N, C-alpha and C. Protein backbone atom coordinates (compact mmCIF):
# COMPACT_ATOMS: atom_id res chain seq x y z
N MET A 1 -10.20 1.78 -26.97
CA MET A 1 -9.48 2.89 -26.39
C MET A 1 -8.43 3.34 -27.40
N SER A 2 -8.39 4.63 -27.62
CA SER A 2 -7.43 5.16 -28.58
C SER A 2 -6.02 5.15 -27.97
N PHE A 3 -5.04 5.23 -28.84
CA PHE A 3 -3.65 5.20 -28.39
C PHE A 3 -3.32 6.42 -27.53
N GLU A 4 -3.88 7.57 -27.85
CA GLU A 4 -3.61 8.78 -27.08
C GLU A 4 -4.11 8.65 -25.65
N ILE A 5 -5.31 8.10 -25.49
CA ILE A 5 -5.86 7.90 -24.15
C ILE A 5 -5.02 6.88 -23.39
N TRP A 6 -4.65 5.79 -24.05
CA TRP A 6 -3.83 4.78 -23.41
C TRP A 6 -2.48 5.35 -22.98
N LEU A 7 -1.88 6.17 -23.83
CA LEU A 7 -0.59 6.77 -23.52
C LEU A 7 -0.70 7.72 -22.32
N SER A 8 -1.77 8.50 -22.27
CA SER A 8 -2.00 9.39 -21.13
C SER A 8 -2.18 8.59 -19.84
N PHE A 9 -2.93 7.52 -19.92
CA PHE A 9 -3.14 6.65 -18.76
C PHE A 9 -1.82 6.02 -18.31
N ALA A 10 -1.04 5.51 -19.25
CA ALA A 10 0.24 4.88 -18.92
C ALA A 10 1.18 5.89 -18.26
N LEU A 11 1.21 7.11 -18.76
CA LEU A 11 2.06 8.14 -18.17
C LEU A 11 1.62 8.47 -16.74
N LEU A 12 0.33 8.60 -16.53
CA LEU A 12 -0.20 8.88 -15.20
C LEU A 12 0.11 7.75 -14.23
N VAL A 13 -0.08 6.52 -14.66
CA VAL A 13 0.23 5.37 -13.81
C VAL A 13 1.72 5.35 -13.48
N PHE A 14 2.56 5.63 -14.44
CA PHE A 14 4.01 5.67 -14.21
C PHE A 14 4.36 6.71 -13.16
N LEU A 15 3.77 7.89 -13.26
CA LEU A 15 4.06 8.95 -12.29
C LEU A 15 3.59 8.58 -10.88
N VAL A 16 2.43 7.96 -10.78
CA VAL A 16 1.92 7.57 -9.47
C VAL A 16 2.79 6.47 -8.87
N VAL A 17 3.19 5.52 -9.67
CA VAL A 17 4.01 4.41 -9.17
C VAL A 17 5.40 4.89 -8.76
N MET A 18 5.95 5.84 -9.46
CA MET A 18 7.31 6.31 -9.18
C MET A 18 7.38 7.29 -8.01
N SER A 19 6.26 7.85 -7.61
CA SER A 19 6.30 8.81 -6.49
C SER A 19 6.49 8.05 -5.18
N PRO A 20 7.31 8.60 -4.28
CA PRO A 20 7.55 7.89 -3.02
C PRO A 20 6.32 7.95 -2.12
N GLY A 21 6.04 6.84 -1.51
CA GLY A 21 4.91 6.77 -0.60
C GLY A 21 5.38 6.72 0.84
N PRO A 22 4.47 6.47 1.75
CA PRO A 22 4.82 6.45 3.16
C PRO A 22 5.85 5.38 3.51
N SER A 23 5.80 4.24 2.84
CA SER A 23 6.76 3.17 3.13
C SER A 23 8.18 3.60 2.78
N ILE A 24 8.35 4.25 1.65
CA ILE A 24 9.67 4.72 1.25
C ILE A 24 10.16 5.80 2.20
N LEU A 25 9.28 6.70 2.57
CA LEU A 25 9.68 7.79 3.46
C LEU A 25 10.09 7.29 4.84
N ILE A 26 9.35 6.33 5.39
CA ILE A 26 9.75 5.81 6.70
C ILE A 26 11.03 5.00 6.59
N GLY A 27 11.22 4.29 5.48
CA GLY A 27 12.46 3.56 5.28
C GLY A 27 13.66 4.49 5.21
N MET A 28 13.53 5.57 4.47
CA MET A 28 14.62 6.54 4.37
C MET A 28 14.89 7.19 5.72
N SER A 29 13.83 7.53 6.43
CA SER A 29 13.98 8.16 7.74
C SER A 29 14.69 7.23 8.72
N HIS A 30 14.28 5.98 8.75
CA HIS A 30 14.93 5.02 9.65
C HIS A 30 16.37 4.75 9.24
N ALA A 31 16.64 4.70 7.95
CA ALA A 31 18.01 4.46 7.50
C ALA A 31 18.94 5.59 7.93
N LEU A 32 18.47 6.81 7.82
CA LEU A 32 19.30 7.94 8.21
C LEU A 32 19.45 8.05 9.72
N ARG A 33 18.41 7.70 10.45
CA ARG A 33 18.43 7.89 11.89
C ARG A 33 19.01 6.69 12.65
N TYR A 34 18.67 5.46 12.24
CA TYR A 34 19.00 4.29 13.05
C TYR A 34 20.00 3.33 12.42
N GLY A 35 20.19 3.37 11.11
CA GLY A 35 21.13 2.46 10.48
C GLY A 35 20.44 1.31 9.76
N ALA A 36 21.27 0.33 9.35
CA ALA A 36 20.80 -0.72 8.46
C ALA A 36 19.88 -1.73 9.14
N ARG A 37 20.27 -2.28 10.28
CA ARG A 37 19.48 -3.35 10.89
C ARG A 37 18.06 -2.91 11.27
N PRO A 38 17.88 -1.80 11.96
CA PRO A 38 16.51 -1.36 12.25
C PRO A 38 15.71 -1.06 10.97
N THR A 39 16.39 -0.58 9.95
CA THR A 39 15.70 -0.31 8.69
C THR A 39 15.21 -1.60 8.05
N LEU A 40 16.00 -2.65 8.13
CA LEU A 40 15.56 -3.95 7.60
C LEU A 40 14.35 -4.47 8.37
N MET A 41 14.33 -4.27 9.67
CA MET A 41 13.18 -4.68 10.47
C MET A 41 11.94 -3.86 10.10
N THR A 42 12.13 -2.58 9.86
CA THR A 42 11.03 -1.72 9.42
C THR A 42 10.49 -2.20 8.07
N ALA A 43 11.39 -2.51 7.15
CA ALA A 43 10.97 -2.99 5.83
C ALA A 43 10.24 -4.33 5.95
N LEU A 44 10.73 -5.21 6.80
CA LEU A 44 10.06 -6.50 7.01
C LEU A 44 8.66 -6.29 7.58
N GLY A 45 8.52 -5.39 8.53
CA GLY A 45 7.20 -5.09 9.08
C GLY A 45 6.27 -4.49 8.05
N ASP A 46 6.80 -3.64 7.19
CA ASP A 46 5.99 -3.02 6.14
C ASP A 46 5.52 -4.06 5.13
N VAL A 47 6.42 -4.94 4.73
CA VAL A 47 6.05 -6.00 3.78
C VAL A 47 5.02 -6.93 4.40
N THR A 48 5.20 -7.27 5.67
CA THR A 48 4.24 -8.14 6.35
C THR A 48 2.86 -7.48 6.40
N ALA A 49 2.82 -6.21 6.75
CA ALA A 49 1.54 -5.49 6.80
C ALA A 49 0.88 -5.44 5.43
N ASN A 50 1.66 -5.22 4.39
CA ASN A 50 1.11 -5.19 3.03
C ASN A 50 0.55 -6.55 2.63
N MET A 51 1.24 -7.62 2.99
CA MET A 51 0.75 -8.96 2.67
C MET A 51 -0.56 -9.26 3.40
N ILE A 52 -0.66 -8.84 4.65
CA ILE A 52 -1.90 -9.05 5.41
C ILE A 52 -3.04 -8.26 4.77
N GLN A 53 -2.78 -7.03 4.36
CA GLN A 53 -3.82 -6.22 3.71
C GLN A 53 -4.26 -6.84 2.39
N MET A 54 -3.31 -7.37 1.62
CA MET A 54 -3.68 -8.01 0.35
C MET A 54 -4.49 -9.27 0.60
N LEU A 55 -4.14 -10.04 1.62
CA LEU A 55 -4.89 -11.25 1.94
C LEU A 55 -6.32 -10.91 2.35
N ILE A 56 -6.47 -9.90 3.19
CA ILE A 56 -7.81 -9.49 3.61
C ILE A 56 -8.63 -9.02 2.41
N ALA A 57 -8.01 -8.25 1.54
CA ALA A 57 -8.73 -7.77 0.34
C ALA A 57 -9.11 -8.94 -0.56
N ALA A 58 -8.20 -9.90 -0.69
CA ALA A 58 -8.49 -11.05 -1.55
C ALA A 58 -9.62 -11.89 -0.98
N LEU A 59 -9.74 -11.94 0.30
CA LEU A 59 -10.80 -12.73 0.92
C LEU A 59 -12.15 -12.02 0.88
N GLY A 60 -12.18 -10.81 0.42
CA GLY A 60 -13.44 -10.11 0.23
C GLY A 60 -13.98 -9.41 1.45
N LEU A 61 -13.11 -9.07 2.38
CA LEU A 61 -13.59 -8.38 3.57
C LEU A 61 -14.20 -7.03 3.22
N GLY A 62 -13.67 -6.41 2.18
CA GLY A 62 -14.21 -5.12 1.77
C GLY A 62 -15.67 -5.21 1.37
N ALA A 63 -16.03 -6.26 0.67
CA ALA A 63 -17.42 -6.44 0.26
C ALA A 63 -18.32 -6.68 1.47
N VAL A 64 -17.83 -7.44 2.42
CA VAL A 64 -18.62 -7.70 3.63
C VAL A 64 -18.82 -6.41 4.42
N LEU A 65 -17.75 -5.63 4.56
CA LEU A 65 -17.86 -4.38 5.32
C LEU A 65 -18.76 -3.37 4.62
N ALA A 66 -18.78 -3.40 3.30
CA ALA A 66 -19.63 -2.47 2.55
C ALA A 66 -21.11 -2.79 2.72
N THR A 67 -21.43 -4.05 2.97
CA THR A 67 -22.84 -4.43 3.07
C THR A 67 -23.34 -4.55 4.50
N SER A 68 -22.44 -4.65 5.47
CA SER A 68 -22.86 -4.86 6.85
C SER A 68 -22.35 -3.74 7.74
N ALA A 69 -23.26 -2.94 8.25
CA ALA A 69 -22.89 -1.85 9.15
C ALA A 69 -22.35 -2.39 10.47
N THR A 70 -22.87 -3.53 10.92
CA THR A 70 -22.38 -4.13 12.17
C THR A 70 -20.94 -4.58 12.02
N ALA A 71 -20.63 -5.26 10.92
CA ALA A 71 -19.26 -5.71 10.69
C ALA A 71 -18.31 -4.52 10.58
N PHE A 72 -18.77 -3.46 9.92
CA PHE A 72 -17.94 -2.26 9.80
C PHE A 72 -17.66 -1.65 11.17
N ALA A 73 -18.67 -1.60 12.02
CA ALA A 73 -18.50 -1.04 13.36
C ALA A 73 -17.54 -1.89 14.20
N ILE A 74 -17.58 -3.20 14.04
CA ILE A 74 -16.68 -4.08 14.79
C ILE A 74 -15.24 -3.85 14.36
N VAL A 75 -15.01 -3.78 13.05
CA VAL A 75 -13.65 -3.58 12.54
C VAL A 75 -13.15 -2.19 12.88
N LYS A 76 -14.05 -1.23 12.83
CA LYS A 76 -13.67 0.16 13.12
C LYS A 76 -13.25 0.28 14.55
C-alpha cells in the first residue's frame, strides 16, 4: 500500500471516529435535560450494551445467523 493511500485511509478513519454517534448524542441530551446522575446511568447502560454486543460478535453469532435462516428468524 502506498503512503498516499494509507494517509487517505488514516484521515477517513480519523474523521469517522471523531464524529459523534448516537451514544454521544444521548449522553449530551440526558446531561442537559436530567443532570449528572441519570447521565452516568445512561453511560453505564450504553457501555454494558456495547460489551454485550462485542461478546456476541466474538462468539461468532454473526456467522451462525448468516448461515441459518431459522436462527436469524428466532433472533429477529
